Amino acid sequence: MPVSKIRKYLDDLKIQADAALRRGSDISGVPMTREPILPVLLTELEWKDKRTGLTAKRHGLSEQFEATPDNIRLGQEIKGLDDQIAECTEHMRLEY
């Protein structure tokens, strides 16, 4: 299933869940007795999206760095991206 369809599905679920929260019930109409799981899913997707974007940016910079390995600025940017990617991975690991 394409990512765009998954995101659309999750957006639809979020709209339904938000409406249910305003009514004080879950999506099926049953009164709420526990925390909804949807915010956890959205948080995981946000971390994955952020990590994917950072990885793509890092890949482009590493290709440039291979062509000019004496460019210290690129090396520093790549290291900063590596740190951010590791942080995203750690957040995702800790959540599950």
PDB file of N, CA and C in Angstrom:
ATOM      1  N   MET A   1       0.845  -1.163   0.000  1.00  0.00           N
ATOM      2  CA  MET A   1       0.000   0.000   0.000  1.00  0.00           C
ATOM      3  C   MET A   1       0.899   1.237   0.000  1.00  0.00           C
ATOM      4  N   PRO A   2       0.619   2.205  -0.875  1.00  0.00           N
ATOM      5  CA  PRO A   2       1.450   3.413  -0.933  1.00  0.00           C
ATOM      6  C   PRO A   2       1.350   4.230   0.355  1.00  0.00           C
ATOM      7  N   VAL A   3       2.422   4.943   0.648  1.00  0.00           N
ATOM      8  CA  VAL A   3       2.482   5.752   1.862  1.00  0.00           C
ATOM      9  C   VAL A   3       1.383   6.808   1.856  1.00  0.00           C
ATOM     10  N   SER A   4       1.077   7.365   0.689  1.00  0.00           N
ATOM     11  CA  SER A   4       0.048   8.408   0.631  1.00  0.00           C
ATOM     12  C   SER A   4      -1.314   7.873   1.065  1.00  0.00           C
ATOM     13  N   LYS A   5      -1.629   6.631   0.706  1.00  0.00           N
ATOM     14  CA  LYS A   5      -2.902   6.050   1.132  1.00  0.00           C
ATOM     15  C   LYS A   5      -2.917   5.786   2.629  1.00  0.00           C
ATOM     16  N   ILE A   6      -1.779   5.359   3.166  1.00  0.00           N
ATOM     17  CA  ILE A   6      -1.692   5.116   4.604  1.00  0.00           C
ATOM     18  C   ILE A   6      -1.883   6.424   5.358  1.00  0.00           C
ATOM     19  N   ARG A   7      -1.227   7.487   4.886  1.00  0.00           N
ATOM     20  CA  ARG A   7      -1.373   8.784   5.549  1.00  0.00           C
ATOM     21  C   ARG A   7      -2.812   9.285   5.466  1.00  0.00           C
ATOM     22  N   LYS A   8      -3.443   9.118   4.316  1.00  0.00           N
ATOM     23  CA  LYS A   8      -4.844   9.535   4.163  1.00  0.00           C
ATOM     24  C   LYS A   8      -5.720   8.763   5.137  1.00  0.00           C
ATOM     25  N   TYR A   9      -5.484   7.456   5.240  1.00  0.00           N
ATOM     26  CA  TYR A   9      -6.254   6.620   6.160  1.00  0.00           C
ATOM     27  C   TYR A   9      -6.064   7.093   7.604  1.00  0.00           C
ATOM     28  N   LEU A  10      -4.812   7.370   7.978  1.00  0.00           N
ATOM     29  CA  LEU A  10      -4.545   7.838   9.336  1.00  0.00           C
ATOM     30  C   LEU A  10      -5.141   9.215   9.588  1.00  0.00           C
ATOM     31  N   ASP A  11      -5.110  10.085   8.573  1.00  0.00           N
ATOM     32  CA  ASP A  11      -5.747  11.391   8.726  1.00  0.00           C
ATOM     33  C   ASP A  11      -7.239  11.239   8.959  1.00  0.00           C
ATOM     34  N   ASP A  12      -7.882  10.339   8.203  1.00  0.00           N
ATOM     35  CA  ASP A  12      -9.314  10.085   8.391  1.00  0.00           C
ATOM     36  C   ASP A  12      -9.588   9.554   9.792  1.00  0.00           C
ATOM     37  N   LEU A  13      -8.731   8.650  10.263  1.00  0.00           N
ATOM     38  CA  LEU A  13      -8.894   8.127  11.620  1.00  0.00           C
ATOM     39  C   LEU A  13      -8.739   9.226  12.664  1.00  0.00           C
ATOM     40  N   LYS A  14      -7.794  10.126  12.431  1.00  0.00           N
ATOM     41  CA  LYS A  14      -7.579  11.218  13.374  1.00  0.00           C
ATOM     42  C   LYS A  14      -8.807  12.112  13.428  1.00  0.00           C
ATOM     43  N   ILE A  15      -9.390  12.405  12.283  1.00  0.00           N
ATOM     44  CA  ILE A  15     -10.601  13.226  12.261  1.00  0.00           C
ATOM     45  C   ILE A  15     -11.707  12.543  13.045  1.00  0.00           C
ATOM     46  N   GLN A  16     -11.876  11.244  12.835  1.00  0.00           N
ATOM     47  CA  GLN A  16     -12.907  10.502  13.565  1.00  0.00           C
ATOM     48  C   GLN A  16     -12.597  10.467  15.061  1.00  0.00           C
ATOM     49  N   ALA A  17     -11.345  10.273  15.392  1.00  0.00           N
ATOM     50  CA  ALA A  17     -10.960  10.204  16.807  1.00  0.00           C
ATOM     51  C   ALA A  17     -11.153  11.558  17.483  1.00  0.00           C
ATOM     52  N   ASP A  18     -10.807  12.646  16.774  1.00  0.00           N
ATOM     53  CA  ASP A  18     -11.007  13.979  17.353  1.00  0.00           C
ATOM     54  C   ASP A  18     -12.483  14.245  17.605  1.00  0.00           C
ATOM     55  N   ALA A  19     -13.323  13.841  16.659  1.00  0.00           N
ATOM     56  CA  ALA A  19     -14.762  14.024  16.840  1.00  0.00           C
ATOM     57  C   ALA A  19     -15.259  13.197  18.029  1.00  0.00           C
ATOM     58  N   ALA A  20     -14.732  11.987  18.173  1.00  0.00           N
ATOM     59  CA  ALA A  20     -15.141  11.127  19.289  1.00  0.00           C
ATOM     60  C   ALA A  20     -14.681  11.715  20.621  1.00  0.00           C
ATOM     61  N   LEU A  21     -13.492  12.316  20.649  1.00  0.00           N
ATOM     62  CA  LEU A  21     -13.003  12.923  21.885  1.00  0.00           C
ATOM     63  C   LEU A  21     -13.902  14.074  22.317  1.00  0.00           C
ATOM     64  N   ARG A  22     -14.371  14.850  21.350  1.00  0.00           N
ATOM     65  CA  ARG A  22     -15.269  15.947  21.687  1.00  0.00           C
ATOM     66  C   ARG A  22     -16.580  15.432  22.270  1.00  0.00           C
ATOM     67  N   ARG A  23     -17.021  14.255  21.814  1.00  0.00           N
ATOM     68  CA  ARG A  23     -18.266  13.662  22.325  1.00  0.00           C
ATOM     69  C   ARG A  23     -18.042  12.872  23.609  1.00  0.00           C
ATOM     70  N   GLY A  24     -16.800  12.600  23.953  1.00  0.00           N
ATOM     71  CA  GLY A  24     -16.514  11.803  25.138  1.00  0.00           C
ATOM     72  C   GLY A  24     -16.714  10.320  24.907  1.00  0.00           C
ATOM     73  N   SER A  25     -16.614   9.887  23.657  1.00  0.00           N
ATOM     74  CA  SER A  25     -16.749   8.474  23.332  1.00  0.00           C
ATOM     75  C   SER A  25     -15.691   8.116  22.300  1.00  0.00           C
ATOM     76  N   ASP A  26     -15.534   6.811  22.044  1.00  0.00           N
ATOM     77  CA  ASP A  26     -14.579   6.420  21.010  1.00  0.00           C
ATOM     78  C   ASP A  26     -15.278   6.430  19.653  1.00  0.00           C
ATOM     79  N   ILE A  27     -14.561   6.028  18.606  1.00  0.00           N
ATOM     80  CA  ILE A  27     -15.087   6.090  17.241  1.00  0.00           C
ATOM     81  C   ILE A  27     -16.369   5.283  17.095  1.00  0.00           C
ATOM     82  N   SER A  28     -16.468   4.166  17.806  1.00  0.00           N
ATOM     83  CA  SER A  28     -17.654   3.312  17.681  1.00  0.00           C
ATOM     84  C   SER A  28     -18.835   3.841  18.488  1.00  0.00           C
ATOM     85  N   GLY A  29     -18.641   4.901  19.276  1.00  0.00           N
ATOM     86  CA  GLY A  29     -19.722   5.458  20.063  1.00  0.00           C
ATOM     87  C   GLY A  29     -19.742   4.969  21.502  1.00  0.00           C
ATOM     88  N   VAL A  30     -18.850   4.053  21.860  1.00  0.00           N
ATOM     89  CA  VAL A  30     -18.774   3.527  23.222  1.00  0.00           C
ATOM     90  C   VAL A  30     -18.082   4.575  24.100  1.00  0.00           C
ATOM     91  N   PRO A  31     -18.598   4.839  25.299  1.00  0.00           N
ATOM     92  CA  PRO A  31     -17.932   5.813  26.164  1.00  0.00           C
ATOM     93  C   PRO A  31     -16.476   5.435  26.405  1.00  0.00           C
ATOM     94  N   MET A  32     -15.627   6.450  26.430  1.00  0.00           N
ATOM     95  CA  MET A  32     -14.190   6.200  26.580  1.00  0.00           C
ATOM     96  C   MET A  32     -13.858   5.751  27.995  1.00  0.00           C
ATOM     97  N   THR A  33     -13.001   4.737  28.079  1.00  0.00           N
ATOM     98  CA  THR A  33     -12.549   4.250  29.377  1.00  0.00           C
ATOM     99  C   THR A  33     -11.034   4.248  29.480  1.00  0.00           C
ATOM    100  N   ARG A  34     -10.339   4.458  28.346  1.00  0.00           N
ATOM    101  CA  ARG A  34      -8.874   4.479  28.377  1.00  0.00           C
ATOM    102  C   ARG A  34      -8.361   5.404  27.293  1.00  0.00           C
ATOM    103  N   GLU A  35      -7.076   5.664  27.317  1.00  0.00           N
ATOM    104  CA  GLU A  35      -6.450   6.575  26.365  1.00  0.00           C
ATOM    105  C   GLU A  35      -6.499   6.002  24.943  1.00  0.00           C
ATOM    106  N   PRO A  36      -6.802   6.821  23.941  1.00  0.00           N
ATOM    107  CA  PRO A  36      -6.763   6.333  22.563  1.00  0.00           C
ATOM    108  C   PRO A  36      -5.329   6.064  22.129  1.00  0.00           C
ATOM    109  N   ILE A  37      -5.128   5.102  21.258  1.00  0.00           N
ATOM    110  CA  ILE A  37      -3.793   4.721  20.806  1.00  0.00           C
ATOM    111  C   ILE A  37      -3.349   5.556  19.604  1.00  0.00           C
ATOM    112  N   LEU A  38      -4.238   6.301  18.986  1.00  0.00           N
ATOM    113  CA  LEU A  38      -3.929   7.046  17.778  1.00  0.00           C
ATOM    114  C   LEU A  38      -2.779   8.043  17.947  1.00  0.00           C
ATOM    115  N   PRO A  39      -2.702   8.843  19.012  1.00  0.00           N
ATOM    116  CA  PRO A  39      -1.570   9.769  19.118  1.00  0.00           C
ATOM    117  C   PRO A  39      -0.218   9.064  19.116  1.00  0.00           C
ATOM    118  N   VAL A  40      -0.134   7.873  19.656  1.00  0.00           N
ATOM    119  CA  VAL A  40       1.124   7.122  19.647  1.00  0.00           C
ATOM    120  C   VAL A  40       1.494   6.772  18.209  1.00  0.00           C
ATOM    121  N   LEU A  41       0.522   6.360  17.410  1.00  0.00           N
ATOM    122  CA  LEU A  41       0.787   6.014  16.022  1.00  0.00           C
ATOM    123  C   LEU A  41       1.255   7.232  15.237  1.00  0.00           C
ATOM    124  N   LEU A  42       0.611   8.358  15.462  1.00  0.00           N
ATOM    125  CA  LEU A  42       1.010   9.559  14.744  1.00  0.00           C
ATOM    126  C   LEU A  42       2.418   9.991  15.140  1.00  0.00           C
ATOM    127  N   THR A  43       2.749   9.859  16.398  1.00  0.00           N
ATOM    128  CA  THR A  43       4.083  10.226  16.838  1.00  0.00           C
ATOM    129  C   THR A  43       5.128   9.344  16.162  1.00  0.00           C
ATOM    130  N   GLU A  44       4.853   8.048  16.075  1.00  0.00           N
ATOM    131  CA  GLU A  44       5.796   7.145  15.419  1.00  0.00           C
ATOM    132  C   GLU A  44       5.953   7.514  13.946  1.00  0.00           C
ATOM    133  N   LEU A  45       4.844   7.825  13.275  1.00  0.00           N
ATOM    134  CA  LEU A  45       4.929   8.212  11.868  1.00  0.00           C
ATOM    135  C   LEU A  45       5.709   9.515  11.699  1.00  0.00           C
ATOM    136  N   GLU A  46       5.507  10.452  12.606  1.00  0.00           N
ATOM    137  CA  GLU A  46       6.246  11.710  12.520  1.00  0.00           C
ATOM    138  C   GLU A  46       7.746  11.472  12.662  1.00  0.00           C
ATOM    139  N   TRP A  47       8.152  10.608  13.611  1.00  0.00           N
ATOM    140  CA  TRP A  47       9.574  10.314  13.792  1.00  0.00           C
ATOM    141  C   TRP A  47      10.130   9.605  12.567  1.00  0.00           C
ATOM    142  N   LYS A  48       9.341   8.667  11.995  1.00  0.00           N
ATOM    143  CA  LYS A  48       9.811   7.961  10.799  1.00  0.00           C
ATOM    144  C   LYS A  48       9.975   8.928   9.634  1.00  0.00           C
ATOM    145  N   ASP A  49       8.993   9.836   9.462  1.00  0.00           N
ATOM    146  CA  ASP A  49       9.087  10.810   8.376  1.00  0.00           C
ATOM    147  C   ASP A  49      10.303  11.715   8.548  1.00  0.00           C
ATOM    148  N   LYS A  50      10.525  12.159   9.774  1.00  0.00           N
ATOM    149  CA  LYS A  50      11.668  13.023  10.042  1.00  0.00           C
ATOM    150  C   LYS A  50      12.970  12.276   9.748  1.00  0.00           C
ATOM    151  N   ARG A  51      13.057  11.024  10.191  1.00  0.00           N
ATOM    152  CA  ARG A  51      14.269  10.239   9.951  1.00  0.00           C
ATOM    153  C   ARG A  51      14.477  10.002   8.462  1.00  0.00           C
ATOM    154  N   THR A  52      13.405   9.719   7.733  1.00  0.00           N
ATOM    155  CA  THR A  52      13.512   9.497   6.286  1.00  0.00           C
ATOM    156  C   THR A  52      14.015  10.748   5.576  1.00  0.00           C
ATOM    157  N   GLY A  53      13.488  11.901   5.964  1.00  0.00           N
ATOM    158  CA  GLY A  53      13.935  13.161   5.365  1.00  0.00           C
ATOM    159  C   GLY A  53      15.392  13.445   5.658  1.00  0.00           C
ATOM    160  N   LEU A  54      15.789  13.214   6.899  1.00  0.00           N
ATOM    161  CA  LEU A  54      17.190  13.431   7.273  1.00  0.00           C
ATOM    162  C   LEU A  54      18.121  12.476   6.536  1.00  0.00           C
ATOM    163  N   THR A  55      17.687  11.221   6.380  1.00  0.00           N
ATOM    164  CA  THR A  55      18.504  10.229   5.675  1.00  0.00           C
ATOM    165  C   THR A  55      18.681  10.619   4.211  1.00  0.00           C
ATOM    166  N   ALA A  56      17.608  11.113   3.591  1.00  0.00           N
ATOM    167  CA  ALA A  56      17.697  11.534   2.190  1.00  0.00           C
ATOM    168  C   ALA A  56      18.652  12.720   2.051  1.00  0.00           C
ATOM    169  N   LYS A  57      18.548  13.675   2.967  1.00  0.00           N
ATOM    170  CA  LYS A  57      19.441  14.837   2.930  1.00  0.00           C
ATOM    171  C   LYS A  57      20.887  14.406   3.141  1.00  0.00           C
ATOM    172  N   ARG A  58      21.108  13.459   4.065  1.00  0.00           N
ATOM    173  CA  ARG A  58      22.452  12.970   4.342  1.00  0.00           C
ATOM    174  C   ARG A  58      23.045  12.271   3.124  1.00  0.00           C
ATOM    175  N   HIS A  59      22.198  11.503   2.416  1.00  0.00           N
ATOM    176  CA  HIS A  59      22.670  10.779   1.242  1.00  0.00           C
ATOM    177  C   HIS A  59      23.187  11.759   0.186  1.00  0.00           C
ATOM    178  N   GLY A  60      22.435  12.832  -0.046  1.00  0.00           N
ATOM    179  CA  GLY A  60      22.869  13.832  -1.026  1.00  0.00           C
ATOM    180  C   GLY A  60      24.180  14.493  -0.626  1.00  0.00           C
ATOM    181  N   LEU A  61      24.296  14.831   0.649  1.00  0.00           N
ATOM    182  CA  LEU A  61      25.530  15.468   1.119  1.00  0.00           C
ATOM    183  C   LEU A  61      26.710  14.509   1.075  1.00  0.00           C
ATOM    184  N   SER A  62      26.477  13.230   1.365  1.00  0.00           N
ATOM    185  CA  SER A  62      27.592  12.278   1.347  1.00  0.00           C
ATOM    186  C   SER A  62      28.113  12.067  -0.071  1.00  0.00           C
ATOM    187  N   GLU A  63      27.228  12.155  -1.068  1.00  0.00           N
ATOM    188  CA  GLU A  63      27.699  12.056  -2.459  1.00  0.00           C
ATOM    189  C   GLU A  63      28.591  13.248  -2.796  1.00  0.00           C
ATOM    190  N   GLN A  64      28.184  14.436  -2.324  1.00  0.00           N
ATOM    191  CA  GLN A  64      29.021  15.615  -2.549  1.00  0.00           C
ATOM    192  C   GLN A  64      30.354  15.481  -1.810  1.00  0.00           C
ATOM    193  N   PHE A  65      30.304  14.932  -0.608  1.00  0.00           N
ATOM    194  CA  PHE A  65      31.514  14.792   0.209  1.00  0.00           C
ATOM    195  C   PHE A  65      32.480  13.789  -0.413  1.00  0.00           C
ATOM    196  N   GLU A  66      31.950  12.750  -1.071  1.00  0.00           N
ATOM    197  CA  GLU A  66      32.827  11.788  -1.748  1.00  0.00           C
ATOM    198  C   GLU A  66      33.595  12.459  -2.879  1.00  0.00           C
ATOM    199  N   ALA A  67      32.943  13.421  -3.540  1.00  0.00           N
ATOM    200  CA  ALA A  67      33.610  14.129  -4.636  1.00  0.00           C
ATOM    201  C   ALA A  67      34.646  15.119  -4.117  1.00  0.00           C
ATOM    202  N   THR A  68      34.379  15.727  -2.960  1.00  0.00           N
ATOM    203  CA  THR A  68      35.314  16.692  -2.374  1.00  0.00           C
ATOM    204  C   THR A  68      35.525  16.360  -0.895  1.00  0.00           C
ATOM    205  N   PRO A  69      36.357  15.343  -0.607  1.00  0.00           N
ATOM    206  CA  PRO A  69      36.538  14.905   0.778  1.00  0.00           C
ATOM    207  C   PRO A  69      37.252  15.918   1.677  1.00  0.00           C
ATOM    208  N   ASP A  70      37.842  16.961   1.095  1.00  0.00           N
ATOM    209  CA  ASP A  70      38.520  17.957   1.922  1.00  0.00           C
ATOM    210  C   ASP A  70      37.583  19.076   2.377  1.00  0.00           C
ATOM    211  N   ASN A  71      36.307  18.989   2.036  1.00  0.00           N
ATOM    212  CA  ASN A  71      35.326  19.997   2.431  1.00  0.00           C
ATOM    213  C   ASN A  71      34.849  19.697   3.857  1.00  0.00           C
ATOM    214  N   ILE A  72      35.420  20.394   4.811  1.00  0.00           N
ATOM    215  CA  ILE A  72      35.133  20.149   6.225  1.00  0.00           C
ATOM    216  C   ILE A  72      33.693  20.515   6.573  1.00  0.00           C
ATOM    217  N   ARG A  73      33.175  21.568   5.955  1.00  0.00           N
ATOM    218  CA  ARG A  73      31.804  21.993   6.234  1.00  0.00           C
ATOM    219  C   ARG A  73      30.809  20.885   5.932  1.00  0.00           C
ATOM    220  N   LEU A  74      30.995  20.203   4.812  1.00  0.00           N
ATOM    221  CA  LEU A  74      30.100  19.086   4.466  1.00  0.00           C
ATOM    222  C   LEU A  74      30.226  17.955   5.485  1.00  0.00           C
ATOM    223  N   GLY A  75      31.445  17.675   5.906  1.00  0.00           N
ATOM    224  CA  GLY A  75      31.645  16.630   6.909  1.00  0.00           C
ATOM    225  C   GLY A  75      30.943  16.951   8.215  1.00  0.00           C
ATOM    226  N   GLN A  76      30.982  18.220   8.609  1.00  0.00           N
ATOM    227  CA  GLN A  76      30.312  18.631   9.839  1.00  0.00           C
ATOM    228  C   GLN A  76      28.787  18.534   9.700  1.00  0.00           C
ATOM    229  N   GLU A  77      28.265  18.919   8.525  1.00  0.00           N
ATOM    230  CA  GLU A  77      26.821  18.797   8.293  1.00  0.00           C
ATOM    231  C   GLU A  77      26.383  17.335   8.340  1.00  0.00           C
ATOM    232  N   ILE A  78      27.172  16.470   7.724  1.00  0.00           N
ATOM    233  CA  ILE A  78      26.843  15.042   7.719  1.00  0.00           C
ATOM    234  C   ILE A  78      26.856  14.492   9.136  1.00  0.00           C
ATOM    235  N   LYS A  79      27.827  14.899   9.943  1.00  0.00           N
ATOM    236  CA  LYS A  79      27.881  14.432  11.334  1.00  0.00           C
ATOM    237  C   LYS A  79      26.649  14.909  12.106  1.00  0.00           C
ATOM    238  N   GLY A  80      26.255  16.166  11.899  1.00  0.00           N
ATOM    239  CA  GLY A  80      25.056  16.684  12.555  1.00  0.00           C
ATOM    240  C   GLY A  80      23.809  15.913  12.148  1.00  0.00           C
ATOM    241  N   LEU A  81      23.709  15.585  10.865  1.00  0.00           N
ATOM    242  CA  LEU A  81      22.572  14.784  10.386  1.00  0.00           C
ATOM    243  C   LEU A  81      22.600  13.386  10.982  1.00  0.00           C
ATOM    244  N   ASP A  82      23.790  12.796  11.067  1.00  0.00           N
ATOM    245  CA  ASP A  82      23.914  11.472  11.690  1.00  0.00           C
ATOM    246  C   ASP A  82      23.417  11.488  13.131  1.00  0.00           C
ATOM    247  N   ASP A  83      23.759  12.553  13.853  1.00  0.00           N
ATOM    248  CA  ASP A  83      23.308  12.678  15.240  1.00  0.00           C
ATOM    249  C   ASP A  83      21.781  12.792  15.319  1.00  0.00           C
ATOM    250  N   GLN A  84      21.194  13.573  14.412  1.00  0.00           N
ATOM    251  CA  GLN A  84      19.738  13.729  14.398  1.00  0.00           C
ATOM    252  C   GLN A  84      19.046  12.419  14.018  1.00  0.00           C
ATOM    253  N   ILE A  85      19.619  11.694  13.064  1.00  0.00           N
ATOM    254  CA  ILE A  85      19.053  10.396  12.659  1.00  0.00           C
ATOM    255  C   ILE A  85      19.109   9.425  13.830  1.00  0.00           C
ATOM    256  N   ALA A  86      20.219   9.428  14.551  1.00  0.00           N
ATOM    257  CA  ALA A  86      20.349   8.544  15.714  1.00  0.00           C
ATOM    258  C   ALA A  86      19.323   8.920  16.782  1.00  0.00           C
ATOM    259  N   GLU A  87      19.075  10.215  16.957  1.00  0.00           N
ATOM    260  CA  GLU A  87      18.083  10.658  17.935  1.00  0.00           C
ATOM    261  C   GLU A  87      16.680  10.174  17.550  1.00  0.00           C
ATOM    262  N   CYS A  88      16.334  10.291  16.269  1.00  0.00           N
ATOM    263  CA  CYS A  88      15.033   9.812  15.798  1.00  0.00           C
ATOM    264  C   CYS A  88      14.902   8.308  16.024  1.00  0.00           C
ATOM    265  N   THR A  89      15.947   7.577  15.698  1.00  0.00           N
ATOM    266  CA  THR A  89      15.930   6.127  15.870  1.00  0.00           C
ATOM    267  C   THR A  89      15.756   5.765  17.338  1.00  0.00           C
ATOM    268  N   GLU A  90      16.437   6.501  18.209  1.00  0.00           N
ATOM    269  CA  GLU A  90      16.337   6.244  19.643  1.00  0.00           C
ATOM    270  C   GLU A  90      14.918   6.530  20.155  1.00  0.00           C
ATOM    271  N   HIS A  91      14.309   7.617  19.697  1.00  0.00           N
ATOM    272  CA  HIS A  91      12.925   7.920  20.100  1.00  0.00           C
ATOM    273  C   HIS A  91      11.980   6.811  19.662  1.00  0.00           C
ATOM    274  N   MET A  92      12.158   6.328  18.436  1.00  0.00           N
ATOM    275  CA  MET A  92      11.292   5.266  17.930  1.00  0.00           C
ATOM    276  C   MET A  92      11.507   3.977  18.720  1.00  0.00           C
ATOM    277  N   ARG A  93      12.753   3.686  19.065  1.00  0.00           N
ATOM    278  CA  ARG A  93      13.049   2.474  19.818  1.00  0.00           C
ATOM    279  C   ARG A  93      12.465   2.541  21.218  1.00  0.00           C
ATOM    280  N   LEU A  94      12.543   3.692  21.859  1.00  0.00           N
ATOM    281  CA  LEU A  94      12.044   3.835  23.214  1.00  0.00           C
ATOM    282  C   LEU A  94      10.522   3.778  23.282  1.00  0.00           C
ATOM    283  N   GLU A  95       9.857   4.189  22.226  1.00  0.00           N
ATOM    284  CA  GLU A  95       8.395   4.192  22.230  1.00  0.00           C
ATOM    285  C   GLU A  95       7.838   2.784  22.119  1.00  0.00           C
ATOM    286  N   TYR A  96       8.613   1.884  21.514  1.00  0.00           N
ATOM    287  CA  TYR A  96       8.065   0.523  21.328  1.00  0.00           C
ATOM    288  C   TYR A  96       9.005  -0.473  21.842  1.00  0.00           C
TER     289      TYR A  96
END
